[in-house]
């Protein structure tokens, strides 16, 4: 069964490097999504590419590209929702944050070299959640402020890979290192539950604002699981975490990904001949915008839609 091998092996091999995180308090609260009509998107976004190394850059229409960071080769990085900061795990197992020209170490003792163990930013871009890594099936998720203060134990989960954080601040979701399922951690109750309707998956892109639906890359029983690296593109599936029901995505073409915005809009990335397109849907599924991406982003991973 190909899907269980590479990610699981990498986690087991790196487990000896792991150190147990500190344990204290619980959830992170953020303000609820605005009720006013949202402003149209401009096409601003954050992308990642790999040539001789990783580069994370922000694209702003009318201004162009600006490099935010050149993370280490571990592949364990995340861009903040506000498009201003990048966090990554160094080869030495430090979790660092870069904003502007300043790099700050916010945690140490993480497992490096396991690409699926990516940190995730809180919806307000002020905190990070991460997993140290280890042999245990269930592992502790630690939350820390972006300046390295306030480290705390947020609960334990089997879904340690490609963590995603819901806009209401309550839920984290990730896939298991074996690719056998997706798990959702409630930061209020500290309870982790397996998402229904997902047997195998090797990527979690995001959660709906209320944490009820998860955007994943589903695998067939004979599909390779890969090495856990963040995908340049994937075929998105939206699954109700409670019922397992699939939500249709009403966009034609070859889909390369999907993202929930804090106000409930869904952004779907669609392949094009020379450039890709971002199709913005309302919560009811109505097409609101079609935004062409820059041609240079065609083969890059889309990390944030701003």
Protein backbone atom coordinates (compact mmCIF):
# COMPACT_ATOMS: atom_id res chain seq x y z
CA UNK A 1 0.00 0.00 0.00
CA UNK A 2 2.01 2.93 -1.36
CA UNK A 3 0.17 5.65 0.49
CA UNK A 4 1.52 4.79 3.94
CA UNK A 5 5.23 4.55 3.27
CA UNK A 6 7.18 7.77 2.72
CA UNK A 7 5.52 10.16 5.16
CA UNK A 8 5.29 7.56 7.91
CA UNK A 9 8.94 6.53 7.41
CA UNK A 10 10.11 10.13 7.56
CA UNK A 11 8.28 10.72 10.82
CA UNK A 12 9.72 7.58 12.38
CA UNK A 13 13.28 8.35 11.24
CA UNK A 14 13.20 11.89 12.59
CA UNK A 15 11.49 11.01 15.86
CA UNK A 16 14.76 10.67 17.76
CA UNK A 17 15.36 14.38 17.30
CA UNK A 18 12.07 15.37 18.92
CA UNK A 19 11.74 17.02 22.31
CA UNK A 20 8.47 17.17 24.28
CA UNK A 21 6.84 20.61 24.22
CA UNK A 22 5.82 22.42 27.37
CA UNK A 23 2.23 22.10 28.54
CA UNK A 24 -0.08 24.70 29.96
CA UNK A 25 -3.29 26.31 28.75
CA UNK A 26 -5.72 26.08 25.86
CA UNK A 27 -7.49 27.77 23.01
CA UNK A 28 -6.89 30.88 20.99
CA UNK A 29 -9.76 33.27 20.34
CA UNK A 30 -10.05 35.66 17.42
CA UNK A 31 -12.78 38.11 16.47
CA UNK A 32 -15.71 36.76 14.46
CA UNK A 33 -15.87 37.41 10.72
CA UNK A 34 -17.28 40.75 9.65
CA UNK A 35 -20.92 40.84 8.67
CA UNK A 36 -20.58 43.72 6.18
CA UNK A 37 -20.33 42.95 2.46
CA UNK A 38 -16.70 41.99 1.77
CA UNK A 39 -14.53 44.08 -0.52
CA UNK A 40 -13.61 42.46 -3.85
CA UNK A 41 -10.26 40.72 -4.00
CA UNK A 42 -7.46 42.52 -5.82
CA UNK A 43 -5.39 39.49 -6.80
CA UNK A 44 -2.82 40.00 -4.06
CA UNK A 45 -1.48 36.65 -2.88
CA UNK A 46 1.51 34.83 -1.42
CA UNK A 47 3.27 32.11 -3.41
CA UNK A 48 6.10 29.65 -2.87
CA UNK A 49 8.52 28.28 -5.43
CA UNK A 50 11.54 25.99 -5.42
CA UNK A 51 14.52 26.28 -7.75
CA UNK A 52 17.89 26.15 -5.96
CA UNK A 53 15.99 26.62 -2.71
CA UNK A 54 12.60 27.71 -1.43
CA UNK A 55 11.39 31.26 -1.90
CA UNK A 56 8.18 32.74 -0.52
CA UNK A 57 7.05 35.95 -2.23
CA UNK A 58 4.06 38.28 -2.17
CA UNK A 59 2.44 39.47 -5.39
CA UNK A 60 0.62 42.81 -5.37
CA UNK A 61 -1.11 44.02 -8.57
CA UNK A 62 0.39 47.30 -9.70
CA UNK A 63 3.47 46.80 -7.55
CA UNK A 64 4.69 43.35 -8.53
CA UNK A 65 6.66 40.81 -6.54
CA UNK A 66 8.36 41.15 -3.16
CA UNK A 67 10.33 38.33 -1.54
CA UNK A 68 9.20 37.67 2.03
CA UNK A 69 11.65 34.89 2.94
CA UNK A 70 13.94 32.16 1.68
CA UNK A 71 13.09 29.31 4.09
CA UNK A 72 15.43 26.40 4.77
CA UNK A 73 15.36 23.24 2.69
CA UNK A 74 13.25 21.37 5.26
CA UNK A 75 10.13 22.48 3.36
CA UNK A 76 8.40 23.20 6.69
CA UNK A 77 7.16 26.75 6.19
CA UNK A 78 3.97 28.83 6.38
CA UNK A 79 2.96 32.33 5.28
CA UNK A 80 0.81 34.43 7.60
CA UNK A 81 -2.77 35.32 6.57
CA UNK A 82 -1.88 39.03 6.50
CA UNK A 83 0.83 38.32 3.91
CA UNK A 84 3.58 39.98 5.95
CA UNK A 85 5.37 37.17 7.77
CA UNK A 86 6.82 33.72 7.08
CA UNK A 87 7.59 31.02 9.64
CA UNK A 88 9.73 27.95 9.03
CA UNK A 89 11.63 25.15 10.72
CA UNK A 90 15.40 25.38 10.28
CA UNK A 91 17.75 22.47 9.67
CA UNK A 92 18.62 22.69 13.37
CA UNK A 93 15.01 22.38 14.53
CA UNK A 94 14.34 26.02 15.38
CA UNK A 95 11.00 27.61 14.53
CA UNK A 96 11.78 31.09 13.20
CA UNK A 97 9.68 34.00 11.98
CA UNK A 98 10.76 36.57 9.41
CA UNK A 99 9.03 39.92 9.14
CA UNK A 100 10.70 42.63 7.10
CA UNK A 101 14.43 42.15 7.61
CA UNK A 102 14.16 40.66 11.11
CA UNK A 103 14.30 36.92 11.89
CA UNK A 104 13.18 35.80 15.36
CA UNK A 105 13.50 32.35 16.92
CA UNK A 106 10.19 31.51 18.60
CA UNK A 107 10.69 27.84 19.54
CA UNK A 108 13.37 25.16 19.54
CA UNK A 109 13.62 21.38 19.52
CA UNK A 110 11.32 20.75 16.54
CA UNK A 111 11.87 17.84 14.18
CA UNK A 112 13.48 19.07 10.97
CA UNK A 113 13.44 17.25 7.64
CA UNK A 114 9.85 16.00 7.83
CA UNK A 115 8.13 18.20 5.20
CA UNK A 116 4.59 17.46 6.34
CA UNK A 117 5.22 18.90 9.82
CA UNK A 118 4.48 22.47 8.79
CA UNK A 119 3.61 25.19 11.31
CA UNK A 120 0.40 27.17 10.85
CA UNK A 121 -0.46 30.79 11.61
CA UNK A 122 -3.48 31.84 13.63
CA UNK A 123 -6.17 33.74 11.70
CA UNK A 124 -4.98 37.05 13.18
CA UNK A 125 -1.33 36.36 12.19
CA UNK A 126 -0.21 36.80 15.80
CA UNK A 127 0.39 33.17 16.85
CA UNK A 128 1.75 29.91 15.51
CA UNK A 129 0.77 26.30 16.14
CA UNK A 130 3.25 23.49 15.58
CA UNK A 131 4.04 19.87 16.41
CA UNK A 132 7.48 18.92 17.70
CA UNK A 133 7.33 15.42 16.21
CA UNK A 134 7.89 11.98 17.70
CA UNK A 135 6.98 8.30 17.63
CA UNK A 136 3.60 8.57 19.33
CA UNK A 137 0.52 8.30 17.11
CA UNK A 138 -1.05 11.26 18.94
CA UNK A 139 1.17 14.29 19.43
CA UNK A 140 0.97 17.55 21.33
CA UNK A 141 0.20 20.73 19.42
CA UNK A 142 1.94 23.78 20.87
CA UNK A 143 0.79 27.38 20.36
CA UNK A 144 3.25 30.27 20.72
CA UNK A 145 3.12 33.99 20.07
CA UNK A 146 5.00 35.24 17.02
CA UNK A 147 7.57 36.89 19.28
CA UNK A 148 8.33 33.62 21.11
CA UNK A 149 6.33 34.36 24.28
CA UNK A 150 3.30 32.61 25.73
CA UNK A 151 4.11 29.04 24.67
CA UNK A 152 1.34 26.63 25.70
CA UNK A 153 0.01 23.13 25.13
CA UNK A 154 -3.15 23.33 22.99
CA UNK A 155 -4.07 19.63 23.01
CA UNK A 156 -3.06 16.42 21.24
CA UNK A 157 -4.01 15.05 17.82
CA UNK A 158 -3.17 12.36 15.30
CA UNK A 159 -3.60 14.90 12.49
CA UNK A 160 -0.14 16.45 12.73
CA UNK A 161 0.60 17.16 9.06
CA UNK A 162 -0.18 20.37 7.08
CA UNK A 163 -2.06 21.94 9.96
CA UNK A 164 -4.85 24.39 9.08
CA UNK A 165 -6.55 26.86 11.48
CA UNK A 166 -10.20 27.91 11.17
CA UNK A 167 -10.99 31.63 10.97
CA UNK A 168 -13.06 31.50 14.17
CA UNK A 169 -9.91 30.41 16.02
CA UNK A 170 -11.44 27.25 17.47
CA UNK A 171 -10.25 24.37 15.26
CA UNK A 172 -7.03 22.95 13.86
CA UNK A 173 -7.04 20.17 11.27
CA UNK A 174 -4.29 18.06 9.74
CA UNK A 175 -3.75 14.68 8.12
CA UNK A 176 -2.14 11.72 9.86
CA UNK A 177 1.52 10.99 9.12
CA UNK A 178 0.46 7.63 7.67
CA UNK A 179 -2.03 9.49 5.40
CA UNK A 180 -4.80 7.45 7.06
CA UNK A 181 -7.34 10.15 7.63
CA UNK A 182 -7.74 13.78 8.70
CA UNK A 183 -8.27 14.85 12.31
CA UNK A 184 -9.82 18.02 13.72
CA UNK A 185 -8.65 19.35 17.08
CA UNK A 186 -11.06 21.51 19.07
CA UNK A 187 -8.92 24.08 20.89
CA UNK A 188 -11.73 24.78 23.36
CA UNK A 189 -12.41 21.20 24.48
CA UNK A 190 -8.89 19.93 23.54
CA UNK A 191 -10.58 16.95 21.89
CA UNK A 192 -9.35 15.55 18.55
CA UNK A 193 -11.82 13.71 16.30
CA UNK A 194 -11.29 11.94 12.99
CA UNK A 195 -13.03 13.69 10.10
CA UNK A 196 -15.74 11.53 8.58
CA UNK A 197 -15.66 10.75 4.87
CA UNK A 198 -11.86 10.83 4.53
CA UNK A 199 -10.09 7.47 4.37
CA UNK A 200 -6.76 8.62 2.92
CA UNK A 201 -5.36 12.12 2.37
CA UNK A 202 -1.96 13.76 2.00
CA UNK A 203 -2.82 17.47 2.20
CA UNK A 204 -5.08 19.76 4.22
CA UNK A 205 -5.38 23.22 2.66
CA UNK A 206 -7.82 24.86 5.01
CA UNK A 207 -11.01 24.92 7.03
CA UNK A 208 -14.25 26.83 6.58
CA UNK A 209 -14.50 29.84 8.92
CA UNK A 210 -16.61 27.86 11.42
CA UNK A 211 -14.31 24.82 11.16
CA UNK A 212 -17.11 22.57 9.92
CA UNK A 213 -15.69 21.86 6.43
CA UNK A 214 -12.18 20.88 5.47
CA UNK A 215 -10.40 21.27 2.11
CA UNK A 216 -8.27 18.21 1.43
CA UNK A 217 -6.44 16.24 -1.23
CA UNK A 218 -8.01 12.78 -1.13
CA UNK A 219 -6.05 9.66 -2.07
CA UNK A 220 -7.16 6.39 -3.59
CA UNK A 221 -6.02 3.15 -1.98
CA UNK A 222 -3.22 2.69 -4.52
CA UNK A 223 -2.19 6.33 -4.82
CA UNK A 224 1.32 7.24 -3.59
CA UNK A 225 1.34 9.26 -0.40
CA UNK A 226 4.38 11.32 -1.39
CA UNK A 227 6.97 12.68 1.01
CA UNK A 228 4.67 15.19 2.71
CA UNK A 229 5.91 18.27 0.84
CA UNK A 230 3.50 21.17 0.33
CA UNK A 231 1.92 20.67 -3.12
CA UNK A 232 2.25 23.09 -6.01
CA UNK A 233 -1.28 22.08 -6.98
CA UNK A 234 -3.89 19.53 -5.89
CA UNK A 235 -7.44 18.48 -6.75
CA UNK A 236 -9.51 19.99 -3.92
CA UNK A 237 -12.28 18.15 -2.14
CA UNK A 238 -14.49 19.84 0.46
CA UNK A 239 -15.70 17.48 3.17
CA UNK A 240 -18.09 18.09 6.07
CA UNK A 241 -16.05 17.08 9.13
CA UNK A 242 -19.12 15.90 11.03
CA UNK A 243 -21.20 14.09 8.40
CA UNK A 244 -18.56 13.21 5.80
CA UNK A 245 -20.70 14.72 3.03
CA UNK A 246 -18.85 16.17 0.03
CA UNK A 247 -19.63 19.71 -1.10
CA UNK A 248 -19.60 20.16 -4.88
CA UNK A 249 -17.33 22.90 -6.21
CA UNK A 250 -19.28 24.66 -8.95
CA UNK A 251 -16.35 25.69 -11.10
CA UNK A 252 -15.45 24.20 -14.48
CA UNK A 253 -11.96 23.31 -15.64
CA UNK A 254 -8.94 21.68 -14.04
CA UNK A 255 -8.95 22.67 -10.39
CA UNK A 256 -5.56 23.27 -8.75
CA UNK A 257 -6.66 24.15 -5.22
CA UNK A 258 -9.22 25.96 -3.09
CA UNK A 259 -9.14 28.36 -0.13
CA UNK A 260 -11.74 29.62 2.33
CA UNK A 261 -11.64 33.31 3.18
CA UNK A 262 -12.56 34.45 6.71
CA UNK A 263 -15.93 35.79 5.50
CA UNK A 264 -16.97 32.45 3.98
CA UNK A 265 -16.13 33.10 0.35
CA UNK A 266 -14.38 30.25 -1.47
CA UNK A 267 -11.47 30.93 -3.83
CA UNK A 268 -10.87 28.21 -6.40
CA UNK A 269 -7.65 28.04 -8.43
CA UNK A 270 -8.21 26.94 -12.03
CA UNK A 271 -5.53 25.94 -14.55
CA UNK A 272 -4.98 28.01 -17.68
CA UNK A 273 -2.78 27.76 -20.75
CA UNK A 274 -0.46 30.68 -19.93
CA UNK A 275 -1.71 31.66 -16.47
CA UNK A 276 -4.09 30.34 -13.85
CA UNK A 277 -7.29 32.00 -12.66
CA UNK A 278 -8.72 32.56 -9.19
CA UNK A 279 -12.50 32.14 -9.19
CA UNK A 280 -14.20 33.68 -6.15
CA UNK A 281 -17.49 32.13 -5.03
CA UNK A 282 -19.97 33.41 -2.47
CA UNK A 283 -20.96 31.20 0.46
CA UNK A 284 -23.98 30.22 -1.63
CA UNK A 285 -21.77 29.18 -4.56
CA UNK A 286 -22.38 32.19 -6.82
CA UNK A 287 -19.43 33.36 -8.93
CA UNK A 288 -18.37 36.81 -7.73
CA UNK A 289 -15.01 37.35 -9.44
CA UNK A 290 -12.57 35.81 -11.89
CA UNK A 291 -9.02 37.06 -11.26
CA UNK A 292 -6.12 36.14 -13.55
CA UNK A 293 -2.95 35.24 -11.68
CA UNK A 294 0.41 36.59 -12.86
CA UNK A 295 1.99 34.33 -15.48
CA UNK A 296 5.05 33.88 -13.28
CA UNK A 297 2.89 32.17 -10.64
CA UNK A 298 1.63 29.45 -12.98
CA UNK A 299 3.79 26.68 -11.49
CA UNK A 300 4.08 28.08 -7.98
CA UNK A 301 2.30 26.96 -4.82
CA UNK A 302 -0.41 29.35 -3.66
CA UNK A 303 -0.04 29.87 0.11
CA UNK A 304 -2.37 32.77 0.89
CA UNK A 305 -5.06 34.79 -0.89
CA UNK A 306 -5.06 38.35 0.48
